[in-house]
Amino acid sequence: ILRKAIPVPTLHTLDTAWVVNIKTSIELYTIWEASGVLDQLETIDPNLFDVVTDIMDEKRDEYQEWLDEHEAA
């Protein structure tokens, strides 16, 4: 449904428009945790909370692996 709202000529830019630096994502997750947003989400929709926290954990793991690789180099 959301894609129907995006004009056809811009569809090809969606992939690059939503690529966010992983460090920025980690910082955003930290803000969500510190501000209580995740606690509210868990209360409102536990299933969505689980999905979001799984994604956050995966991104944090990816970032840690990236850090480990660059420290070893």
PDB file of N, CA and C in Angstrom:
ATOM      1  N   ILE A   1       0.830  -1.192   0.000  1.00  0.00           N
ATOM      2  CA  ILE A   1       0.000   0.000   0.000  1.00  0.00           C
ATOM      3  C   ILE A   1       0.875   1.257   0.000  1.00  0.00           C
ATOM      4  N   LEU A   2       1.946   1.271   0.778  1.00  0.00           N
ATOM      5  CA  LEU A   2       2.793   2.457   0.824  1.00  0.00           C
ATOM      6  C   LEU A   2       3.438   2.753  -0.520  1.00  0.00           C
ATOM      7  N   ARG A   3       3.795   1.708  -1.252  1.00  0.00           N
ATOM      8  CA  ARG A   3       4.444   1.940  -2.547  1.00  0.00           C
ATOM      9  C   ARG A   3       3.489   2.604  -3.531  1.00  0.00           C
ATOM     10  N   LYS A   4       2.205   2.384  -3.375  1.00  0.00           N
ATOM     11  CA  LYS A   4       1.241   3.018  -4.267  1.00  0.00           C
ATOM     12  C   LYS A   4       1.224   4.525  -4.071  1.00  0.00           C
ATOM     13  N   ALA A   5       1.636   4.987  -2.904  1.00  0.00           N
ATOM     14  CA  ALA A   5       1.645   6.420  -2.629  1.00  0.00           C
ATOM     15  C   ALA A   5       2.889   7.110  -3.173  1.00  0.00           C
ATOM     16  N   ILE A   6       3.865   6.337  -3.604  1.00  0.00           N
ATOM     17  CA  ILE A   6       5.116   6.902  -4.114  1.00  0.00           C
ATOM     18  C   ILE A   6       5.026   6.995  -5.631  1.00  0.00           C
ATOM     19  N   PRO A   7       5.280   8.169  -6.185  1.00  0.00           N
ATOM     20  CA  PRO A   7       5.219   8.309  -7.645  1.00  0.00           C
ATOM     21  C   PRO A   7       6.160   7.326  -8.339  1.00  0.00           C
ATOM     22  N   VAL A   8       5.702   6.769  -9.435  1.00  0.00           N
ATOM     23  CA  VAL A   8       6.455   5.754 -10.168  1.00  0.00           C
ATOM     24  C   VAL A   8       7.879   6.184 -10.519  1.00  0.00           C
ATOM     25  N   PRO A   9       8.128   7.403 -10.982  1.00  0.00           N
ATOM     26  CA  PRO A   9       9.503   7.779 -11.345  1.00  0.00           C
ATOM     27  C   PRO A   9      10.488   7.715 -10.179  1.00  0.00           C
ATOM     28  N   THR A  10      10.007   7.784  -8.948  1.00  0.00           N
ATOM     29  CA  THR A  10      10.928   7.768  -7.807  1.00  0.00           C
ATOM     30  C   THR A  10      11.099   6.389  -7.193  1.00  0.00           C
ATOM     31  N   LEU A  11      10.389   5.402  -7.681  1.00  0.00           N
ATOM     32  CA  LEU A  11      10.491   4.058  -7.104  1.00  0.00           C
ATOM     33  C   LEU A  11      11.919   3.532  -7.129  1.00  0.00           C
ATOM     34  N   HIS A  12      12.663   3.868  -8.166  1.00  0.00           N
ATOM     35  CA  HIS A  12      14.027   3.353  -8.284  1.00  0.00           C
ATOM     36  C   HIS A  12      14.970   3.948  -7.245  1.00  0.00           C
ATOM     37  N   THR A  13      14.576   5.008  -6.572  1.00  0.00           N
ATOM     38  CA  THR A  13      15.453   5.630  -5.572  1.00  0.00           C
ATOM     39  C   THR A  13      15.184   5.142  -4.155  1.00  0.00           C
ATOM     40  N   LEU A  14      14.190   4.309  -3.961  1.00  0.00           N
ATOM     41  CA  LEU A  14      13.850   3.862  -2.607  1.00  0.00           C
ATOM     42  C   LEU A  14      14.983   3.120  -1.927  1.00  0.00           C
ATOM     43  N   ASP A  15      15.654   2.247  -2.654  1.00  0.00           N
ATOM     44  CA  ASP A  15      16.719   1.463  -2.034  1.00  0.00           C
ATOM     45  C   ASP A  15      17.811   2.356  -1.458  1.00  0.00           C
ATOM     46  N   THR A  16      18.264   3.311  -2.219  1.00  0.00           N
ATOM     47  CA  THR A  16      19.348   4.158  -1.730  1.00  0.00           C
ATOM     48  C   THR A  16      18.856   5.218  -0.755  1.00  0.00           C
ATOM     49  N   ALA A  17      17.611   5.605  -0.861  1.00  0.00           N
ATOM     50  CA  ALA A  17      17.088   6.645   0.023  1.00  0.00           C
ATOM     51  C   ALA A  17      16.978   6.167   1.466  1.00  0.00           C
ATOM     52  N   TRP A  18      16.879   4.873   1.673  1.00  0.00           N
ATOM     53  CA  TRP A  18      16.659   4.365   3.024  1.00  0.00           C
ATOM     54  C   TRP A  18      17.882   3.689   3.614  1.00  0.00           C
ATOM     55  N   VAL A  19      19.017   3.784   2.952  1.00  0.00           N
ATOM     56  CA  VAL A  19      20.243   3.213   3.501  1.00  0.00           C
ATOM     57  C   VAL A  19      20.786   4.189   4.540  1.00  0.00           C
ATOM     58  N   VAL A  20      20.892   3.702   5.771  1.00  0.00           N
ATOM     59  CA  VAL A  20      21.343   4.544   6.881  1.00  0.00           C
ATOM     60  C   VAL A  20      22.638   3.968   7.423  1.00  0.00           C
ATOM     61  N   ASN A  21      23.567   4.829   7.754  1.00  0.00           N
ATOM     62  CA  ASN A  21      24.814   4.397   8.366  1.00  0.00           C
ATOM     63  C   ASN A  21      24.497   3.592   9.618  1.00  0.00           C
ATOM     64  N   ILE A  22      25.168   2.463   9.782  1.00  0.00           N
ATOM     65  CA  ILE A  22      24.867   1.571  10.900  1.00  0.00           C
ATOM     66  C   ILE A  22      25.125   2.245  12.249  1.00  0.00           C
ATOM     67  N   LYS A  23      26.127   3.105  12.310  1.00  0.00           N
ATOM     68  CA  LYS A  23      26.406   3.813  13.564  1.00  0.00           C
ATOM     69  C   LYS A  23      25.238   4.735  13.925  1.00  0.00           C
ATOM     70  N   THR A  24      24.650   5.367  12.922  1.00  0.00           N
ATOM     71  CA  THR A  24      23.488   6.222  13.148  1.00  0.00           C
ATOM     72  C   THR A  24      22.322   5.401  13.680  1.00  0.00           C
ATOM     73  N   SER A  25      22.131   4.211  13.127  1.00  0.00           N
ATOM     74  CA  SER A  25      21.071   3.328  13.612  1.00  0.00           C
ATOM     75  C   SER A  25      21.283   2.963  15.071  1.00  0.00           C
ATOM     76  N   ILE A  26      22.500   2.610  15.428  1.00  0.00           N
ATOM     77  CA  ILE A  26      22.817   2.232  16.807  1.00  0.00           C
ATOM     78  C   ILE A  26      22.543   3.407  17.748  1.00  0.00           C
ATOM     79  N   GLU A  27      22.923   4.607  17.331  1.00  0.00           N
ATOM     80  CA  GLU A  27      22.667   5.792  18.154  1.00  0.00           C
ATOM     81  C   GLU A  27      21.170   6.019  18.336  1.00  0.00           C
ATOM     82  N   LEU A  28      20.405   5.806  17.275  1.00  0.00           N
ATOM     83  CA  LEU A  28      18.957   5.958  17.363  1.00  0.00           C
ATOM     84  C   LEU A  28      18.364   4.936  18.327  1.00  0.00           C
ATOM     85  N   TYR A  29      18.828   3.693  18.257  1.00  0.00           N
ATOM     86  CA  TYR A  29      18.333   2.661  19.172  1.00  0.00           C
ATOM     87  C   TYR A  29      18.619   3.040  20.618  1.00  0.00           C
ATOM     88  N   THR A  30      19.783   3.608  20.866  1.00  0.00           N
ATOM     89  CA  THR A  30      20.153   4.031  22.217  1.00  0.00           C
ATOM     90  C   THR A  30      19.213   5.133  22.706  1.00  0.00           C
ATOM     91  N   ILE A  31      18.873   6.055  21.820  1.00  0.00           N
ATOM     92  CA  ILE A  31      17.934   7.125  22.169  1.00  0.00           C
ATOM     93  C   ILE A  31      16.564   6.537  22.489  1.00  0.00           C
ATOM     94  N   TRP A  32      16.108   5.582  21.677  1.00  0.00           N
ATOM     95  CA  TRP A  32      14.813   4.950  21.939  1.00  0.00           C
ATOM     96  C   TRP A  32      14.794   4.295  23.310  1.00  0.00           C
ATOM     97  N   GLU A  33      15.878   3.609  23.646  1.00  0.00           N
ATOM     98  CA  GLU A  33      15.947   2.937  24.945  1.00  0.00           C
ATOM     99  C   GLU A  33      15.961   3.948  26.087  1.00  0.00           C
ATOM    100  N   ALA A  34      16.773   4.980  25.961  1.00  0.00           N
ATOM    101  CA  ALA A  34      16.924   5.971  27.027  1.00  0.00           C
ATOM    102  C   ALA A  34      15.654   6.802  27.233  1.00  0.00           C
ATOM    103  N   SER A  35      14.911   7.021  26.163  1.00  0.00           N
ATOM    104  CA  SER A  35      13.725   7.873  26.246  1.00  0.00           C
ATOM    105  C   SER A  35      12.463   7.116  26.646  1.00  0.00           C
ATOM    106  N   GLY A  36      12.548   5.787  26.702  1.00  0.00           N
ATOM    107  CA  GLY A  36      11.380   5.001  27.091  1.00  0.00           C
ATOM    108  C   GLY A  36      10.464   4.624  25.944  1.00  0.00           C
ATOM    109  N   VAL A  37      10.867   4.947  24.730  1.00  0.00           N
ATOM    110  CA  VAL A  37      10.036   4.627  23.566  1.00  0.00           C
ATOM    111  C   VAL A  37       9.819   3.119  23.455  1.00  0.00           C
ATOM    112  N   LEU A  38      10.872   2.349  23.680  1.00  0.00           N
ATOM    113  CA  LEU A  38      10.743   0.895  23.560  1.00  0.00           C
ATOM    114  C   LEU A  38       9.839   0.323  24.642  1.00  0.00           C
ATOM    115  N   ASP A  39       9.880   0.894  25.837  1.00  0.00           N
ATOM    116  CA  ASP A  39       8.978   0.447  26.905  1.00  0.00           C
ATOM    117  C   ASP A  39       7.528   0.685  26.510  1.00  0.00           C
ATOM    118  N   GLN A  40       7.266   1.834  25.911  1.00  0.00           N
ATOM    119  CA  GLN A  40       5.912   2.136  25.445  1.00  0.00           C
ATOM    120  C   GLN A  40       5.490   1.182  24.339  1.00  0.00           C
ATOM    121  N   LEU A  41       6.400   0.920  23.418  1.00  0.00           N
ATOM    122  CA  LEU A  41       6.097   0.010  22.321  1.00  0.00           C
ATOM    123  C   LEU A  41       5.786  -1.382  22.844  1.00  0.00           C
ATOM    124  N   GLU A  42       6.546  -1.832  23.826  1.00  0.00           N
ATOM    125  CA  GLU A  42       6.313  -3.160  24.403  1.00  0.00           C
ATOM    126  C   GLU A  42       4.921  -3.245  25.017  1.00  0.00           C
ATOM    127  N   THR A  43       4.462  -2.171  25.624  1.00  0.00           N
ATOM    128  CA  THR A  43       3.133  -2.131  26.229  1.00  0.00           C
ATOM    129  C   THR A  43       2.038  -2.120  25.167  1.00  0.00           C
ATOM    130  N   ILE A  44       2.259  -1.353  24.111  1.00  0.00           N
ATOM    131  CA  ILE A  44       1.248  -1.187  23.070  1.00  0.00           C
ATOM    132  C   ILE A  44       1.166  -2.406  22.160  1.00  0.00           C
ATOM    133  N   ASP A  45       2.318  -2.905  21.712  1.00  0.00           N
ATOM    134  CA  ASP A  45       2.339  -4.024  20.756  1.00  0.00           C
ATOM    135  C   ASP A  45       3.560  -4.906  21.019  1.00  0.00           C
ATOM    136  N   PRO A  46       3.403  -5.912  21.895  1.00  0.00           N
ATOM    137  CA  PRO A  46       4.537  -6.776  22.238  1.00  0.00           C
ATOM    138  C   PRO A  46       5.162  -7.480  21.035  1.00  0.00           C
ATOM    139  N   ASN A  47       4.353  -7.841  20.046  1.00  0.00           N
ATOM    140  CA  ASN A  47       4.896  -8.525  18.867  1.00  0.00           C
ATOM    141  C   ASN A  47       5.797  -7.599  18.054  1.00  0.00           C
ATOM    142  N   LEU A  48       5.360  -6.374  17.859  1.00  0.00           N
ATOM    143  CA  LEU A  48       6.182  -5.404  17.137  1.00  0.00           C
ATOM    144  C   LEU A  48       7.444  -5.095  17.932  1.00  0.00           C
ATOM    145  N   PHE A  49       7.313  -5.007  19.245  1.00  0.00           N
ATOM    146  CA  PHE A  49       8.472  -4.790  20.109  1.00  0.00           C
ATOM    147  C   PHE A  49       9.509  -5.886  19.887  1.00  0.00           C
ATOM    148  N   ASP A  50       9.056  -7.142  19.823  1.00  0.00           N
ATOM    149  CA  ASP A  50       9.976  -8.260  19.596  1.00  0.00           C
ATOM    150  C   ASP A  50      10.693  -8.130  18.258  1.00  0.00           C
ATOM    151  N   VAL A  51       9.953  -7.762  17.228  1.00  0.00           N
ATOM    152  CA  VAL A  51      10.551  -7.601  15.898  1.00  0.00           C
ATOM    153  C   VAL A  51      11.593  -6.486  15.915  1.00  0.00           C
ATOM    154  N   VAL A  52      11.241  -5.355  16.490  1.00  0.00           N
ATOM    155  CA  VAL A  52      12.146  -4.206  16.527  1.00  0.00           C
ATOM    156  C   VAL A  52      13.398  -4.531  17.329  1.00  0.00           C
ATOM    157  N   THR A  53      13.235  -5.168  18.488  1.00  0.00           N
ATOM    158  CA  THR A  53      14.412  -5.482  19.301  1.00  0.00           C
ATOM    159  C   THR A  53      15.292  -6.532  18.630  1.00  0.00           C
ATOM    160  N   ASP A  54      14.691  -7.457  17.888  1.00  0.00           N
ATOM    161  CA  ASP A  54      15.497  -8.425  17.132  1.00  0.00           C
ATOM    162  C   ASP A  54      16.343  -7.712  16.079  1.00  0.00           C
ATOM    163  N   ILE A  55      15.734  -6.772  15.371  1.00  0.00           N
ATOM    164  CA  ILE A  55      16.464  -6.007  14.359  1.00  0.00           C
ATOM    165  C   ILE A  55      17.576  -5.198  15.014  1.00  0.00           C
ATOM    166  N   MET A  56      17.268  -4.582  16.145  1.00  0.00           N
ATOM    167  CA  MET A  56      18.274  -3.797  16.864  1.00  0.00           C
ATOM    168  C   MET A  56      19.451  -4.670  17.281  1.00  0.00           C
ATOM    169  N   ASP A  57      19.153  -5.858  17.799  1.00  0.00           N
ATOM    170  CA  ASP A  57      20.223  -6.774  18.215  1.00  0.00           C
ATOM    171  C   ASP A  57      21.095  -7.184  17.030  1.00  0.00           C
ATOM    172  N   GLU A  58      20.452  -7.467  15.885  1.00  0.00           N
ATOM    173  CA  GLU A  58      21.204  -7.847  14.689  1.00  0.00           C
ATOM    174  C   GLU A  58      22.125  -6.713  14.235  1.00  0.00           C
ATOM    175  N   LYS A  59      21.603  -5.496  14.223  1.00  0.00           N
ATOM    176  CA  LYS A  59      22.412  -4.343  13.795  1.00  0.00           C
ATOM    177  C   LYS A  59      23.570  -4.101  14.758  1.00  0.00           C
ATOM    178  N   ARG A  60      23.314  -4.261  16.036  1.00  0.00           N
ATOM    179  CA  ARG A  60      24.389  -4.079  17.016  1.00  0.00           C
ATOM    180  C   ARG A  60      25.466  -5.146  16.834  1.00  0.00           C
ATOM    181  N   ASP A  61      25.041  -6.372  16.555  1.00  0.00           N
ATOM    182  CA  ASP A  61      26.009  -7.443  16.296  1.00  0.00           C
ATOM    183  C   ASP A  61      26.832  -7.140  15.047  1.00  0.00           C
ATOM    184  N   GLU A  62      26.155  -6.682  13.983  1.00  0.00           N
ATOM    185  CA  GLU A  62      26.859  -6.328  12.745  1.00  0.00           C
ATOM    186  C   GLU A  62      27.878  -5.221  13.000  1.00  0.00           C
ATOM    187  N   TYR A  63      27.479  -4.234  13.761  1.00  0.00           N
ATOM    188  CA  TYR A  63      28.376  -3.111  14.062  1.00  0.00           C
ATOM    189  C   TYR A  63      29.572  -3.578  14.881  1.00  0.00           C
ATOM    190  N   GLN A  64      29.324  -4.450  15.854  1.00  0.00           N
ATOM    191  CA  GLN A  64      30.424  -4.961  16.672  1.00  0.00           C
ATOM    192  C   GLN A  64      31.393  -5.783  15.825  1.00  0.00           C
ATOM    193  N   GLU A  65      30.861  -6.588  14.904  1.00  0.00           N
ATOM    194  CA  GLU A  65      31.719  -7.357  14.004  1.00  0.00           C
ATOM    195  C   GLU A  65      32.556  -6.416  13.136  1.00  0.00           C
ATOM    196  N   TRP A  66      31.937  -5.349  12.641  1.00  0.00           N
ATOM    197  CA  TRP A  66      32.654  -4.370  11.830  1.00  0.00           C
ATOM    198  C   TRP A  66      33.776  -3.727  12.640  1.00  0.00           C
ATOM    199  N   LEU A  67      33.472  -3.357  13.890  1.00  0.00           N
ATOM    200  CA  LEU A  67      34.498  -2.770  14.755  1.00  0.00           C
ATOM    201  C   LEU A  67      35.646  -3.747  14.994  1.00  0.00           C
ATOM    202  N   ASP A  68      35.299  -5.000  15.262  1.00  0.00           N
ATOM    203  CA  ASP A  68      36.322  -6.018  15.510  1.00  0.00           C
ATOM    204  C   ASP A  68      37.229  -6.205  14.297  1.00  0.00           C
ATOM    205  N   GLU A  69      36.631  -6.224  13.105  1.00  0.00           N
ATOM    206  CA  GLU A  69      37.409  -6.389  11.877  1.00  0.00           C
ATOM    207  C   GLU A  69      38.372  -5.218  11.668  1.00  0.00           C
ATOM    208  N   HIS A  70      37.921  -4.020  11.946  1.00  0.00           N
ATOM    209  CA  HIS A  70      38.753  -2.841  11.709  1.00  0.00           C
ATOM    210  C   HIS A  70      39.796  -2.633  12.798  1.00  0.00           C
ATOM    211  N   GLU A  71      39.548  -3.146  13.979  1.00  0.00           N
ATOM    212  CA  GLU A  71      40.559  -3.082  15.035  1.00  0.00           C
ATOM    213  C   GLU A  71      41.685  -4.062  14.748  1.00  0.00           C
ATOM    214  N   ALA A  72      41.336  -5.200  14.147  1.00  0.00           N
ATOM    215  CA  ALA A  72      42.327  -6.228  13.839  1.00  0.00           C
ATOM    216  C   ALA A  72      43.220  -5.803  12.670  1.00  0.00           C
ATOM    217  N   ALA A  73      42.704  -4.937  11.828  1.00  0.00           N
ATOM    218  CA  ALA A  73      43.449  -4.527  10.625  1.00  0.00           C
ATOM    219  C   ALA A  73      44.528  -3.531  10.905  1.00  0.00           C
TER     220      ALA A  73
END
